[in-house]
Amino acid sequence: MNNVVSTQTHEEVMNFYQSWVKNPKIVKKSEVVSNSLIASSSPHFNVYDNDFGWGRPVAVRSGAGNKHDGKITIFCGAEQGSIDIQACLTPQTLHAMGHDTKFMAAVTKIHDVV
């Protein structure tokens, strides 16, 4: 993903935005390719500050709506500077990820916390 983002030029991005303004389109779920990754959420909604009288939330989930394989929802975490990630993956995708040696090496590295 970093490679895709970093190779975009200012001109390409501006052309995309100008084209969208002239012909706006909201992509339907059925038009999303099956191997796509979609991330959603907003830092403007601090979900851990909601207290309905039961105390501060200990975890956050986004509910059942609009879920599909590859949907990633990112929330500001319970502690300052942390994040919570909700990943919706089919058993087949999760199994494939677990057996991908490069992926597992990347996500299981232990980093020193400074």
N, C-alpha and C. Protein backbone atom coordinates (compact mmCIF):
# COMPACT_ATOMS: atom_id res chain seq x y z
N MET A 1 0.83 -1.17 0.00
CA MET A 1 0.00 0.00 0.00
C MET A 1 0.88 1.25 0.00
N ASN A 2 1.97 1.21 0.77
CA ASN A 2 2.88 2.35 0.81
C ASN A 2 3.42 2.67 -0.58
N ASN A 3 3.76 1.63 -1.33
CA ASN A 3 4.29 1.82 -2.68
C ASN A 3 3.26 2.48 -3.59
N VAL A 4 2.01 2.05 -3.51
CA VAL A 4 0.96 2.63 -4.35
C VAL A 4 0.77 4.10 -4.02
N VAL A 5 0.72 4.42 -2.73
CA VAL A 5 0.53 5.81 -2.31
C VAL A 5 1.73 6.67 -2.69
N SER A 6 2.92 6.17 -2.42
CA SER A 6 4.13 6.99 -2.64
C SER A 6 4.43 7.22 -4.12
N THR A 7 3.91 6.39 -5.01
CA THR A 7 4.19 6.59 -6.44
C THR A 7 3.20 7.53 -7.12
N GLN A 8 2.18 7.98 -6.40
CA GLN A 8 1.22 8.92 -6.97
C GLN A 8 1.85 10.30 -7.07
N THR A 9 1.68 10.93 -8.22
CA THR A 9 2.20 12.29 -8.38
C THR A 9 1.11 13.30 -8.02
N HIS A 10 1.54 14.52 -7.75
CA HIS A 10 0.58 15.59 -7.45
C HIS A 10 -0.39 15.76 -8.61
N GLU A 11 0.12 15.69 -9.82
CA GLU A 11 -0.72 15.86 -11.02
C GLU A 11 -1.78 14.76 -11.11
N GLU A 12 -1.40 13.51 -10.84
CA GLU A 12 -2.37 12.41 -10.89
C GLU A 12 -3.47 12.58 -9.85
N VAL A 13 -3.08 12.97 -8.66
CA VAL A 13 -4.07 13.17 -7.59
C VAL A 13 -5.02 14.30 -7.94
N MET A 14 -4.48 15.42 -8.41
CA MET A 14 -5.32 16.56 -8.77
C MET A 14 -6.25 16.22 -9.93
N ASN A 15 -5.76 15.49 -10.92
CA ASN A 15 -6.61 15.07 -12.04
C ASN A 15 -7.76 14.19 -11.55
N PHE A 16 -7.45 13.28 -10.63
CA PHE A 16 -8.50 12.42 -10.08
C PHE A 16 -9.57 13.26 -9.38
N TYR A 17 -9.15 14.17 -8.51
CA TYR A 17 -10.11 15.01 -7.78
C TYR A 17 -10.93 15.90 -8.72
N GLN A 18 -10.27 16.51 -9.68
CA GLN A 18 -10.99 17.38 -10.62
C GLN A 18 -11.99 16.57 -11.45
N SER A 19 -11.61 15.38 -11.84
CA SER A 19 -12.51 14.51 -12.59
C SER A 19 -13.71 14.11 -11.73
N TRP A 20 -13.46 13.81 -10.46
CA TRP A 20 -14.55 13.40 -9.57
C TRP A 20 -15.52 14.55 -9.32
N VAL A 21 -15.00 15.77 -9.21
CA VAL A 21 -15.88 16.93 -9.00
C VAL A 21 -16.80 17.11 -10.21
N LYS A 22 -16.27 16.89 -11.41
CA LYS A 22 -17.08 17.03 -12.62
C LYS A 22 -18.08 15.89 -12.77
N ASN A 23 -17.71 14.69 -12.31
CA ASN A 23 -18.56 13.52 -12.45
C ASN A 23 -18.49 12.68 -11.18
N PRO A 24 -19.10 13.15 -10.08
CA PRO A 24 -19.00 12.42 -8.81
C PRO A 24 -19.68 11.05 -8.90
N LYS A 25 -19.06 10.08 -8.26
CA LYS A 25 -19.61 8.73 -8.26
C LYS A 25 -19.29 8.07 -6.92
N ILE A 26 -20.31 7.50 -6.33
CA ILE A 26 -20.10 6.71 -5.12
C ILE A 26 -20.06 5.26 -5.56
N VAL A 27 -18.98 4.59 -5.22
CA VAL A 27 -18.80 3.21 -5.64
C VAL A 27 -19.73 2.30 -4.85
N LYS A 28 -20.42 1.43 -5.58
CA LYS A 28 -21.30 0.46 -4.94
C LYS A 28 -20.48 -0.73 -4.47
N LYS A 29 -20.95 -1.37 -3.43
CA LYS A 29 -20.25 -2.53 -2.89
C LYS A 29 -20.03 -3.59 -3.97
N SER A 30 -21.00 -3.76 -4.86
CA SER A 30 -20.89 -4.77 -5.91
C SER A 30 -19.81 -4.43 -6.94
N GLU A 31 -19.37 -3.17 -6.98
CA GLU A 31 -18.35 -2.75 -7.95
C GLU A 31 -16.93 -2.87 -7.41
N VAL A 32 -16.80 -3.15 -6.12
CA VAL A 32 -15.48 -3.27 -5.51
C VAL A 32 -14.91 -4.64 -5.86
N VAL A 33 -13.69 -4.66 -6.33
CA VAL A 33 -13.08 -5.94 -6.69
C VAL A 33 -12.88 -6.80 -5.46
N SER A 34 -12.86 -8.09 -5.65
CA SER A 34 -12.85 -9.01 -4.52
C SER A 34 -11.55 -8.98 -3.71
N ASN A 35 -10.47 -8.52 -4.29
CA ASN A 35 -9.21 -8.51 -3.54
C ASN A 35 -8.81 -7.11 -3.09
N SER A 36 -9.80 -6.28 -2.80
CA SER A 36 -9.50 -4.91 -2.38
C SER A 36 -9.49 -4.80 -0.86
N LEU A 37 -8.80 -3.79 -0.37
CA LEU A 37 -8.76 -3.48 1.05
C LEU A 37 -9.39 -2.11 1.24
N ILE A 38 -10.34 -2.03 2.15
CA ILE A 38 -11.01 -0.76 2.41
C ILE A 38 -10.84 -0.44 3.89
N ALA A 39 -10.33 0.74 4.19
CA ALA A 39 -10.19 1.17 5.58
C ALA A 39 -11.19 2.28 5.84
N SER A 40 -11.78 2.24 7.04
CA SER A 40 -12.77 3.27 7.37
C SER A 40 -12.66 3.67 8.82
N SER A 41 -13.20 4.82 9.14
CA SER A 41 -13.35 5.37 10.48
C SER A 41 -13.01 6.85 10.40
N SER A 42 -13.01 7.51 11.53
CA SER A 42 -12.68 8.92 11.56
C SER A 42 -12.11 9.27 12.93
N PRO A 43 -11.03 10.03 12.97
CA PRO A 43 -10.48 10.45 14.26
C PRO A 43 -11.37 11.48 14.96
N HIS A 44 -12.39 11.97 14.27
CA HIS A 44 -13.29 12.96 14.86
C HIS A 44 -14.28 12.34 15.84
N PHE A 45 -14.39 11.02 15.85
CA PHE A 45 -15.31 10.35 16.75
C PHE A 45 -14.52 9.57 17.78
N ASN A 46 -14.35 10.15 18.95
CA ASN A 46 -13.62 9.47 20.02
C ASN A 46 -14.59 8.52 20.72
N VAL A 47 -14.63 7.30 20.23
CA VAL A 47 -15.62 6.33 20.72
C VAL A 47 -15.42 5.97 22.19
N TYR A 48 -14.23 6.12 22.71
CA TYR A 48 -13.99 5.78 24.11
C TYR A 48 -14.46 6.86 25.08
N ASP A 49 -14.84 8.02 24.58
CA ASP A 49 -15.37 9.06 25.46
C ASP A 49 -16.87 8.93 25.68
N ASN A 50 -17.51 7.96 25.03
CA ASN A 50 -18.95 7.74 25.23
C ASN A 50 -19.17 6.96 26.52
N ASP A 51 -19.88 7.56 27.45
CA ASP A 51 -20.22 6.88 28.71
C ASP A 51 -21.72 7.01 28.90
N PHE A 52 -22.40 5.90 28.79
CA PHE A 52 -23.86 5.89 28.91
C PHE A 52 -24.30 5.51 30.32
N GLY A 53 -23.42 5.72 31.29
CA GLY A 53 -23.76 5.42 32.67
C GLY A 53 -23.23 4.08 33.15
N TRP A 54 -22.58 3.33 32.28
CA TRP A 54 -22.04 2.03 32.65
C TRP A 54 -20.52 2.10 32.83
N GLY A 55 -19.95 3.27 32.65
CA GLY A 55 -18.51 3.42 32.72
C GLY A 55 -17.92 3.52 31.32
N ARG A 56 -16.65 3.80 31.27
CA ARG A 56 -15.95 3.96 30.00
C ARG A 56 -15.88 2.63 29.25
N PRO A 57 -16.05 2.64 27.92
CA PRO A 57 -15.96 1.39 27.15
C PRO A 57 -14.60 0.72 27.30
N VAL A 58 -14.60 -0.61 27.28
CA VAL A 58 -13.35 -1.36 27.34
C VAL A 58 -12.94 -1.85 25.95
N ALA A 59 -13.88 -1.84 25.01
CA ALA A 59 -13.60 -2.24 23.63
C ALA A 59 -14.64 -1.60 22.72
N VAL A 60 -14.32 -1.51 21.46
CA VAL A 60 -15.22 -0.90 20.49
C VAL A 60 -15.32 -1.79 19.26
N ARG A 61 -16.52 -1.96 18.75
CA ARG A 61 -16.76 -2.67 17.50
C ARG A 61 -17.73 -1.83 16.68
N SER A 62 -17.70 -1.98 15.39
CA SER A 62 -18.53 -1.12 14.55
C SER A 62 -19.89 -1.72 14.20
N GLY A 63 -20.18 -2.91 14.64
CA GLY A 63 -21.48 -3.51 14.34
C GLY A 63 -21.46 -4.34 13.08
N ALA A 64 -22.62 -4.87 12.74
CA ALA A 64 -22.71 -5.85 11.66
C ALA A 64 -22.89 -5.25 10.27
N GLY A 65 -23.28 -4.01 10.17
CA GLY A 65 -23.59 -3.43 8.86
C GLY A 65 -22.38 -3.20 7.97
N ASN A 66 -22.59 -3.35 6.68
CA ASN A 66 -21.59 -3.02 5.66
C ASN A 66 -20.26 -3.74 5.86
N LYS A 67 -20.32 -5.02 6.12
CA LYS A 67 -19.10 -5.80 6.32
C LYS A 67 -18.84 -6.69 5.10
N HIS A 68 -17.58 -6.85 4.77
CA HIS A 68 -17.17 -7.74 3.69
C HIS A 68 -15.72 -8.11 3.90
N ASP A 69 -15.29 -9.13 3.21
CA ASP A 69 -13.91 -9.59 3.32
C ASP A 69 -12.96 -8.46 2.95
N GLY A 70 -12.04 -8.15 3.84
CA GLY A 70 -11.06 -7.10 3.59
C GLY A 70 -11.41 -5.75 4.17
N LYS A 71 -12.54 -5.64 4.87
CA LYS A 71 -12.94 -4.35 5.47
C LYS A 71 -12.16 -4.17 6.77
N ILE A 72 -11.45 -3.08 6.87
CA ILE A 72 -10.67 -2.74 8.05
C ILE A 72 -11.24 -1.45 8.63
N THR A 73 -11.60 -1.48 9.91
CA THR A 73 -12.08 -0.27 10.58
C THR A 73 -11.07 0.09 11.65
N ILE A 74 -10.67 1.35 11.67
CA ILE A 74 -9.64 1.82 12.59
C ILE A 74 -10.24 2.86 13.51
N PHE A 75 -10.05 2.66 14.81
CA PHE A 75 -10.54 3.58 15.82
C PHE A 75 -9.37 4.15 16.60
N CYS A 76 -9.52 5.36 17.13
CA CYS A 76 -8.57 5.86 18.12
C CYS A 76 -8.66 4.90 19.30
N GLY A 77 -7.54 4.54 19.87
CA GLY A 77 -7.54 3.56 20.96
C GLY A 77 -7.96 4.14 22.29
N ALA A 78 -8.08 3.25 23.28
CA ALA A 78 -8.51 3.64 24.61
C ALA A 78 -7.46 4.51 25.30
N GLU A 79 -6.20 4.28 24.99
CA GLU A 79 -5.12 5.06 25.60
C GLU A 79 -4.56 6.05 24.58
N GLN A 80 -4.11 7.18 25.05
CA GLN A 80 -3.56 8.24 24.19
C GLN A 80 -2.52 7.67 23.24
N GLY A 81 -2.68 7.92 21.96
CA GLY A 81 -1.71 7.50 20.96
C GLY A 81 -1.87 6.07 20.46
N SER A 82 -2.85 5.34 20.99
CA SER A 82 -3.04 3.96 20.55
C SER A 82 -4.17 3.88 19.52
N ILE A 83 -4.23 2.76 18.81
CA ILE A 83 -5.31 2.54 17.85
C ILE A 83 -5.90 1.15 18.06
N ASP A 84 -7.16 1.01 17.72
CA ASP A 84 -7.84 -0.29 17.69
C ASP A 84 -8.15 -0.59 16.24
N ILE A 85 -7.97 -1.83 15.85
CA ILE A 85 -8.24 -2.23 14.48
C ILE A 85 -9.23 -3.38 14.48
N GLN A 86 -10.30 -3.23 13.70
CA GLN A 86 -11.27 -4.31 13.51
C GLN A 86 -11.11 -4.78 12.07
N ALA A 87 -10.77 -6.04 11.89
CA ALA A 87 -10.58 -6.60 10.55
C ALA A 87 -11.65 -7.63 10.27
N CYS A 88 -12.34 -7.48 9.15
CA CYS A 88 -13.36 -8.44 8.72
C CYS A 88 -12.75 -9.29 7.61
N LEU A 89 -12.48 -10.54 7.95
CA LEU A 89 -11.83 -11.44 7.00
C LEU A 89 -12.58 -12.77 6.97
N THR A 90 -12.72 -13.33 5.79
CA THR A 90 -13.33 -14.66 5.70
C THR A 90 -12.35 -15.68 6.27
N PRO A 91 -12.85 -16.83 6.69
CA PRO A 91 -11.93 -17.87 7.18
C PRO A 91 -10.86 -18.23 6.14
N GLN A 92 -11.22 -18.21 4.87
CA GLN A 92 -10.24 -18.53 3.82
C GLN A 92 -9.13 -17.48 3.76
N THR A 93 -9.50 -16.22 3.86
CA THR A 93 -8.50 -15.14 3.84
C THR A 93 -7.61 -15.23 5.06
N LEU A 94 -8.20 -15.43 6.23
CA LEU A 94 -7.42 -15.53 7.47
C LEU A 94 -6.47 -16.73 7.41
N HIS A 95 -6.94 -17.85 6.89
CA HIS A 95 -6.10 -19.04 6.75
C HIS A 95 -4.94 -18.76 5.80
N ALA A 96 -5.23 -18.11 4.68
CA ALA A 96 -4.17 -17.79 3.71
C ALA A 96 -3.14 -16.84 4.33
N MET A 97 -3.60 -15.86 5.09
CA MET A 97 -2.68 -14.93 5.75
C MET A 97 -1.80 -15.67 6.75
N GLY A 98 -2.39 -16.60 7.49
CA GLY A 98 -1.63 -17.36 8.48
C GLY A 98 -0.57 -18.26 7.87
N HIS A 99 -0.75 -18.62 6.61
CA HIS A 99 0.21 -19.49 5.93
C HIS A 99 1.12 -18.73 4.97
N ASP A 100 1.03 -17.42 4.96
CA ASP A 100 1.90 -16.59 4.13
C ASP A 100 3.12 -16.22 4.98
N THR A 101 4.27 -16.82 4.69
CA THR A 101 5.44 -16.65 5.54
C THR A 101 5.94 -15.20 5.59
N LYS A 102 5.89 -14.49 4.46
CA LYS A 102 6.33 -13.09 4.47
C LYS A 102 5.41 -12.23 5.34
N PHE A 103 4.09 -12.45 5.19
CA PHE A 103 3.14 -11.68 6.00
C PHE A 103 3.34 -11.98 7.49
N MET A 104 3.43 -13.25 7.84
CA MET A 104 3.57 -13.62 9.25
C MET A 104 4.88 -13.09 9.83
N ALA A 105 5.94 -13.08 9.04
CA ALA A 105 7.21 -12.53 9.52
C ALA A 105 7.07 -11.03 9.80
N ALA A 106 6.32 -10.34 8.95
CA ALA A 106 6.14 -8.89 9.13
C ALA A 106 5.29 -8.56 10.35
N VAL A 107 4.25 -9.35 10.60
CA VAL A 107 3.34 -9.00 11.70
C VAL A 107 3.73 -9.61 13.04
N THR A 108 4.72 -10.49 13.05
CA THR A 108 5.13 -11.09 14.32
C THR A 108 6.48 -10.61 14.81
N LYS A 109 7.07 -9.65 14.11
CA LYS A 109 8.34 -9.09 14.59
C LYS A 109 8.10 -8.41 15.92
N ILE A 110 9.02 -8.61 16.81
CA ILE A 110 8.94 -7.94 18.11
C ILE A 110 9.79 -6.68 18.03
N HIS A 111 9.15 -5.54 18.28
CA HIS A 111 9.86 -4.27 18.23
C HIS A 111 10.08 -3.76 19.65
N ASP A 112 11.23 -3.18 19.88
CA ASP A 112 11.50 -2.56 21.17
C ASP A 112 10.64 -1.32 21.32
N VAL A 113 9.99 -1.20 22.46
CA VAL A 113 9.18 -0.02 22.74
C VAL A 113 10.08 1.01 23.41
N VAL A 114 10.13 2.19 22.84
CA VAL A 114 11.00 3.24 23.37
C VAL A 114 10.23 4.07 24.37
